[in-house]
C-alpha atoms as a PDB file:
ATOM      1  CA  UNK A   1      31.163  32.453   7.639  1.00  0.00           C
ATOM      2  CA  UNK A   2      28.545  31.483   5.114  1.00  0.00           C
ATOM      3  CA  UNK A   3      30.527  33.448   2.549  1.00  0.00           C
ATOM      4  CA  UNK A   4      33.374  30.973   2.983  1.00  0.00           C
ATOM      5  CA  UNK A   5      31.266  27.941   2.070  1.00  0.00           C
ATOM      6  CA  UNK A   6      31.721  26.516  -1.392  1.00  0.00           C
ATOM      7  CA  UNK A   7      29.168  27.627  -3.967  1.00  0.00           C
ATOM      8  CA  UNK A   8      27.782  24.066  -4.236  1.00  0.00           C
ATOM      9  CA  UNK A   9      27.266  23.673  -0.499  1.00  0.00           C
ATOM     10  CA  UNK A  10      23.864  22.370   0.578  1.00  0.00           C
ATOM     11  CA  UNK A  11      24.379  21.294   4.177  1.00  0.00           C
ATOM     12  CA  UNK A  12      26.127  18.054   3.317  1.00  0.00           C
ATOM     13  CA  UNK A  13      23.123  16.452   1.647  1.00  0.00           C
ATOM     14  CA  UNK A  14      24.925  15.800  -1.612  1.00  0.00           C
ATOM     15  CA  UNK A  15      24.601  17.557  -4.952  1.00  0.00           C
ATOM     16  CA  UNK A  16      21.581  19.797  -5.313  1.00  0.00           C
ATOM     17  CA  UNK A  17      20.276  17.796  -8.269  1.00  0.00           C
ATOM     18  CA  UNK A  18      20.714  14.374  -6.616  1.00  0.00           C
ATOM     19  CA  UNK A  19      17.519  12.319  -6.248  1.00  0.00           C
ATOM     20  CA  UNK A  20      15.926  12.709  -2.824  1.00  0.00           C
ATOM     21  CA  UNK A  21      13.092  10.621  -1.393  1.00  0.00           C
ATOM     22  CA  UNK A  22      11.399  11.014   1.966  1.00  0.00           C
ATOM     23  CA  UNK A  23       8.363   9.613   3.757  1.00  0.00           C
ATOM     24  CA  UNK A  24       6.543  12.727   4.946  1.00  0.00           C
ATOM     25  CA  UNK A  25       3.687  10.993   6.787  1.00  0.00           C
ATOM     26  CA  UNK A  26       1.464   7.945   6.667  1.00  0.00           C
ATOM     27  CA  UNK A  27      -2.101   7.489   7.824  1.00  0.00           C
ATOM     28  CA  UNK A  28      -5.323   5.496   7.753  1.00  0.00           C
ATOM     29  CA  UNK A  29      -7.347   7.193   5.056  1.00  0.00           C
ATOM     30  CA  UNK A  30     -10.418   4.956   5.428  1.00  0.00           C
ATOM     31  CA  UNK A  31     -11.195   1.928   7.582  1.00  0.00           C
ATOM     32  CA  UNK A  32     -14.339  -0.163   7.760  1.00  0.00           C
ATOM     33  CA  UNK A  33     -14.544  -3.211  10.025  1.00  0.00           C
ATOM     34  CA  UNK A  34     -17.676  -5.342  10.173  1.00  0.00           C
ATOM     35  CA  UNK A  35     -18.778  -8.570  11.767  1.00  0.00           C
ATOM     36  CA  UNK A  36     -22.387  -8.540  10.571  1.00  0.00           C
ATOM     37  CA  UNK A  37     -23.310 -11.941  12.028  1.00  0.00           C
ATOM     38  CA  UNK A  38     -22.116 -11.357  15.572  1.00  0.00           C
ATOM     39  CA  UNK A  39     -22.767 -12.874  18.043  1.00  0.00           C
ATOM     40  CA  UNK A  40     -23.982 -15.957  16.128  1.00  0.00           C
ATOM     41  CA  UNK A  41     -20.688 -16.181  14.203  1.00  0.00           C
ATOM     42  CA  UNK A  42     -18.878 -17.200  17.414  1.00  0.00           C
ATOM     43  CA  UNK A  43     -21.004 -20.363  17.598  1.00  0.00           C
ATOM     44  CA  UNK A  44     -20.154 -21.475  14.066  1.00  0.00           C
ATOM     45  CA  UNK A  45     -17.746 -24.377  13.924  1.00  0.00           C
ATOM     46  CA  UNK A  46     -16.704 -23.961  10.293  1.00  0.00           C
ATOM     47  CA  UNK A  47     -13.376 -22.455   9.339  1.00  0.00           C
ATOM     48  CA  UNK A  48     -13.922 -19.452   7.050  1.00  0.00           C
ATOM     49  CA  UNK A  49     -12.287 -18.949   3.685  1.00  0.00           C
ATOM     50  CA  UNK A  50     -10.289 -15.725   3.796  1.00  0.00           C
ATOM     51  CA  UNK A  51     -10.111 -13.636   0.623  1.00  0.00           C
ATOM     52  CA  UNK A  52      -7.598 -10.794   0.384  1.00  0.00           C
ATOM     53  CA  UNK A  53      -7.639  -8.239  -2.454  1.00  0.00           C
ATOM     54  CA  UNK A  54      -5.426  -5.197  -2.800  1.00  0.00           C
ATOM     55  CA  UNK A  55      -4.920  -2.227  -5.062  1.00  0.00           C
ATOM     56  CA  UNK A  56      -2.432   0.611  -5.305  1.00  0.00           C
ATOM     57  CA  UNK A  57      -3.138   4.200  -6.252  1.00  0.00           C
ATOM     58  CA  UNK A  58      -0.604   6.986  -6.643  1.00  0.00           C
ATOM     59  CA  UNK A  59      -1.578  10.620  -7.058  1.00  0.00           C
ATOM     60  CA  UNK A  60       0.467  13.755  -7.445  1.00  0.00           C
ATOM     61  CA  UNK A  61      -0.349  16.177  -4.603  1.00  0.00           C
ATOM     62  CA  UNK A  62       2.145  18.878  -5.579  1.00  0.00           C
ATOM     63  CA  UNK A  63       5.327  19.175  -7.630  1.00  0.00           C
ATOM     64  CA  UNK A  64       7.387  17.202  -5.136  1.00  0.00           C
ATOM     65  CA  UNK A  65       4.762  15.308  -3.108  1.00  0.00           C
ATOM     66  CA  UNK A  66       2.857  12.151  -4.079  1.00  0.00           C
ATOM     67  CA  UNK A  67       0.223  10.268  -2.130  1.00  0.00           C
ATOM     68  CA  UNK A  68       0.376   6.474  -2.421  1.00  0.00           C
ATOM     69  CA  UNK A  69      -2.657   4.569  -1.152  1.00  0.00           C
ATOM     70  CA  UNK A  70      -2.629   0.845  -0.494  1.00  0.00           C
ATOM     71  CA  UNK A  71      -6.231  -0.415  -0.423  1.00  0.00           C
ATOM     72  CA  UNK A  72      -6.816  -3.824   1.137  1.00  0.00           C
ATOM     73  CA  UNK A  73     -10.130  -5.681   1.302  1.00  0.00           C
ATOM     74  CA  UNK A  74     -10.345  -8.767   3.505  1.00  0.00           C
ATOM     75  CA  UNK A  75     -13.401 -10.984   3.709  1.00  0.00           C
ATOM     76  CA  UNK A  76     -13.851 -14.136   5.787  1.00  0.00           C
ATOM     77  CA  UNK A  77     -16.821 -16.275   4.742  1.00  0.00           C
ATOM     78  CA  UNK A  78     -18.072 -19.801   5.281  1.00  0.00           C
ATOM     79  CA  UNK A  79     -21.219 -21.682   4.301  1.00  0.00           C
ATOM     80  CA  UNK A  80     -22.840 -20.163   7.395  1.00  0.00           C
ATOM     81  CA  UNK A  81     -22.241 -16.604   6.212  1.00  0.00           C
ATOM     82  CA  UNK A  82     -19.868 -13.686   6.636  1.00  0.00           C
ATOM     83  CA  UNK A  83     -17.488 -13.864   9.599  1.00  0.00           C
ATOM     84  CA  UNK A  84     -15.901 -10.449   9.083  1.00  0.00           C
ATOM     85  CA  UNK A  85     -15.176  -7.812   6.422  1.00  0.00           C
ATOM     86  CA  UNK A  86     -12.407  -5.234   6.482  1.00  0.00           C
ATOM     87  CA  UNK A  87     -11.820  -2.449   3.976  1.00  0.00           C
ATOM     88  CA  UNK A  88      -8.678  -0.419   4.595  1.00  0.00           C
ATOM     89  CA  UNK A  89      -7.164   2.449   2.644  1.00  0.00           C
ATOM     90  CA  UNK A  90      -3.759   3.240   4.100  1.00  0.00           C
ATOM     91  CA  UNK A  91      -1.803   6.091   2.565  1.00  0.00           C
ATOM     92  CA  UNK A  92       1.537   7.776   2.737  1.00  0.00           C
ATOM     93  CA  UNK A  93       2.833  11.089   1.497  1.00  0.00           C
ATOM     94  CA  UNK A  94       6.207  10.798  -0.197  1.00  0.00           C
ATOM     95  CA  UNK A  95       8.485  13.699  -1.007  1.00  0.00           C
ATOM     96  CA  UNK A  96      10.277  13.118  -4.300  1.00  0.00           C
ATOM     97  CA  UNK A  97      12.857  15.543  -5.628  1.00  0.00           C
ATOM     98  CA  UNK A  98      15.000  15.133  -8.753  1.00  0.00           C
ATOM     99  CA  UNK A  99      13.793  11.585  -9.326  1.00  0.00           C
ATOM    100  CA  UNK A 100      14.311  10.483 -12.947  1.00  0.00           C
ATOM    101  CA  UNK A 101      11.002  10.041 -14.763  1.00  0.00           C
ATOM    102  CA  UNK A 102      11.692   6.382 -15.554  1.00  0.00           C
ATOM    103  CA  UNK A 103      12.053   5.560 -11.840  1.00  0.00           C
ATOM    104  CA  UNK A 104       8.927   7.412 -10.706  1.00  0.00           C
ATOM    105  CA  UNK A 105       6.480   4.563 -11.499  1.00  0.00           C
ATOM    106  CA  UNK A 106       8.613   1.817  -9.943  1.00  0.00           C
ATOM    107  CA  UNK A 107       9.087   3.872  -6.783  1.00  0.00           C
ATOM    108  CA  UNK A 108       5.409   4.803  -6.412  1.00  0.00           C
ATOM    109  CA  UNK A 109       4.053   1.334  -7.248  1.00  0.00           C
ATOM    110  CA  UNK A 110       6.755  -0.910  -5.739  1.00  0.00           C
ATOM    111  CA  UNK A 111       8.891   0.764  -3.086  1.00  0.00           C
ATOM    112  CA  UNK A 112       6.275   3.052  -1.536  1.00  0.00           C
ATOM    113  CA  UNK A 113       3.725   0.229  -1.026  1.00  0.00           C
ATOM    114  CA  UNK A 114       6.527  -1.968   0.329  1.00  0.00           C
ATOM    115  CA  UNK A 115       7.250   0.721   2.934  1.00  0.00           C
ATOM    116  CA  UNK A 116       3.546   1.025   3.851  1.00  0.00           C
ATOM    117  CA  UNK A 117       2.768  -2.708   3.976  1.00  0.00           C
ATOM    118  CA  UNK A 118       4.029  -3.514   7.520  1.00  0.00           C
ATOM    119  CA  UNK A 119       1.691  -0.857   8.910  1.00  0.00           C
ATOM    120  CA  UNK A 120      -1.211  -2.121   6.785  1.00  0.00           C
ATOM    121  CA  UNK A 121      -0.529  -5.621   8.099  1.00  0.00           C
ATOM    122  CA  UNK A 122      -0.668  -4.360  11.687  1.00  0.00           C
ATOM    123  CA  UNK A 123      -3.938  -2.456  11.183  1.00  0.00           C
ATOM    124  CA  UNK A 124      -5.557  -5.535   9.590  1.00  0.00           C
ATOM    125  CA  UNK A 125      -4.332  -7.882  12.351  1.00  0.00           C
ATOM    126  CA  UNK A 126      -5.571  -5.570  15.107  1.00  0.00           C
ATOM    127  CA  UNK A 127      -8.909  -4.959  13.361  1.00  0.00           C
ATOM    128  CA  UNK A 128      -9.604  -8.688  13.027  1.00  0.00           C
ATOM    129  CA  UNK A 129      -8.676  -9.178  16.676  1.00  0.00           C
ATOM    130  CA  UNK A 130     -10.910  -6.269  17.712  1.00  0.00           C
ATOM    131  CA  UNK A 131     -13.972  -8.008  16.224  1.00  0.00           C
ATOM    132  CA  UNK A 132     -13.272 -11.128  18.277  1.00  0.00           C
ATOM    133  CA  UNK A 133     -11.188 -13.356  16.006  1.00  0.00           C
ATOM    134  CA  UNK A 134      -7.535 -14.380  16.144  1.00  0.00           C
ATOM    135  CA  UNK A 135      -5.310 -11.789  14.421  1.00  0.00           C
ATOM    136  CA  UNK A 136      -4.977 -12.273  10.677  1.00  0.00           C
ATOM    137  CA  UNK A 137      -1.353 -11.956   9.592  1.00  0.00           C
ATOM    138  CA  UNK A 138      -1.207 -11.093   5.912  1.00  0.00           C
ATOM    139  CA  UNK A 139       1.471 -12.792   3.868  1.00  0.00           C
ATOM    140  CA  UNK A 140       4.066 -10.426   2.375  1.00  0.00           C
ATOM    141  CA  UNK A 141       3.265  -9.124  -1.105  1.00  0.00           C
ATOM    142  CA  UNK A 142       5.920  -8.994  -3.821  1.00  0.00           C
ATOM    143  CA  UNK A 143       5.051  -5.573  -5.209  1.00  0.00           C
ATOM    144  CA  UNK A 144       7.911  -5.820  -7.708  1.00  0.00           C
ATOM    145  CA  UNK A 145       6.423  -8.964  -9.257  1.00  0.00           C
ATOM    146  CA  UNK A 146       2.962  -7.362  -9.339  1.00  0.00           C
ATOM    147  CA  UNK A 147       4.419  -4.282 -11.067  1.00  0.00           C
ATOM    148  CA  UNK A 148       6.222  -6.421 -13.654  1.00  0.00           C
ATOM    149  CA  UNK A 149       3.026  -8.426 -14.259  1.00  0.00           C
ATOM    150  CA  UNK A 150       1.110  -5.202 -14.883  1.00  0.00           C
ATOM    151  CA  UNK A 151       3.780  -3.980 -17.298  1.00  0.00           C
ATOM    152  CA  UNK A 152       3.543  -7.271 -19.181  1.00  0.00           C
ATOM    153  CA  UNK A 153      -0.243  -6.871 -19.465  1.00  0.00           C
ATOM    154  CA  UNK A 154       0.117  -3.351 -20.905  1.00  0.00           C
ATOM    155  CA  UNK A 155       2.728  -3.631 -23.666  1.00  0.00           C
ATOM    156  CA  UNK A 156       3.862  -0.306 -25.046  1.00  0.00           C
ATOM    157  CA  UNK A 157       2.118   1.737 -22.365  1.00  0.00           C
ATOM    158  CA  UNK A 158       4.649   1.438 -19.564  1.00  0.00           C
ATOM    159  CA  UNK A 159       3.502   2.527 -16.135  1.00  0.00           C
ATOM    160  CA  UNK A 160       1.224   5.413 -15.400  1.00  0.00           C
ATOM    161  CA  UNK A 161       0.596   8.229 -17.826  1.00  0.00           C
ATOM    162  CA  UNK A 162       4.195   9.176 -18.523  1.00  0.00           C
ATOM    163  CA  UNK A 163       4.009  12.082 -16.098  1.00  0.00           C
ATOM    164  CA  UNK A 164       4.914  10.083 -13.038  1.00  0.00           C
ATOM    165  CA  UNK A 165       1.284   9.707 -12.002  1.00  0.00           C
ATOM    166  CA  UNK A 166       0.301   6.039 -12.162  1.00  0.00           C
ATOM    167  CA  UNK A 167      -3.393   5.338 -12.144  1.00  0.00           C
ATOM    168  CA  UNK A 168      -5.159   3.034  -9.720  1.00  0.00           C
ATOM    169  CA  UNK A 169      -3.979  -0.519 -10.228  1.00  0.00           C
ATOM    170  CA  UNK A 170      -6.123  -3.433  -9.189  1.00  0.00           C
ATOM    171  CA  UNK A 171      -4.032  -6.487  -8.682  1.00  0.00           C
ATOM    172  CA  UNK A 172      -4.742 -10.182  -8.456  1.00  0.00           C
ATOM    173  CA  UNK A 173      -5.722 -11.527  -5.046  1.00  0.00           C
ATOM    174  CA  UNK A 174      -3.021 -12.239  -2.544  1.00  0.00           C
ATOM    175  CA  UNK A 175      -2.908 -15.678  -0.948  1.00  0.00           C
ATOM    176  CA  UNK A 176      -6.360 -15.978   0.609  1.00  0.00           C
ATOM    177  CA  UNK A 177      -5.597 -18.947   2.861  1.00  0.00           C
ATOM    178  CA  UNK A 178      -3.447 -17.086   5.337  1.00  0.00           C
ATOM    179  CA  UNK A 179      -5.531 -16.887   8.470  1.00  0.00           C
ATOM    180  CA  UNK A 180      -3.266 -16.518  11.461  1.00  0.00           C
END
């Protein structure tokens, strides 16, 4: 029966050279949660200032697989000292096949982090709660705007190294006053 299939048949997934994208897996690559001033911190009556920083890194793992890592650092501090610190590196493996070179950077630095962010947000909220504070709900991040800002800061360079492998990108802080 296979002999009767058309020569361009590929199980109904479209043309063989059509762009294909898939999330292969996602995982916590590194997580550090600290509340160095416990138990005294629970007696402090001052509201901490919350600072959120994030960065994105994309690396080519193989010809058709890229790892995108969203690194988030959260610190809550007041005049009394540090309430809590969280450093999270959350990554995903993305299968990319037949993706045009000019769309590789935008996918790896905008769409992939956008897909990972809800899970990052959950890990952060649960980690803050696990050290005895109310969950911290991070505000959404407009990765598209961050990407465009980075392009504007690097005129003539574009994104990445031209081979679809963007380097680590440190970005400006997200809204730091979003304690939930």
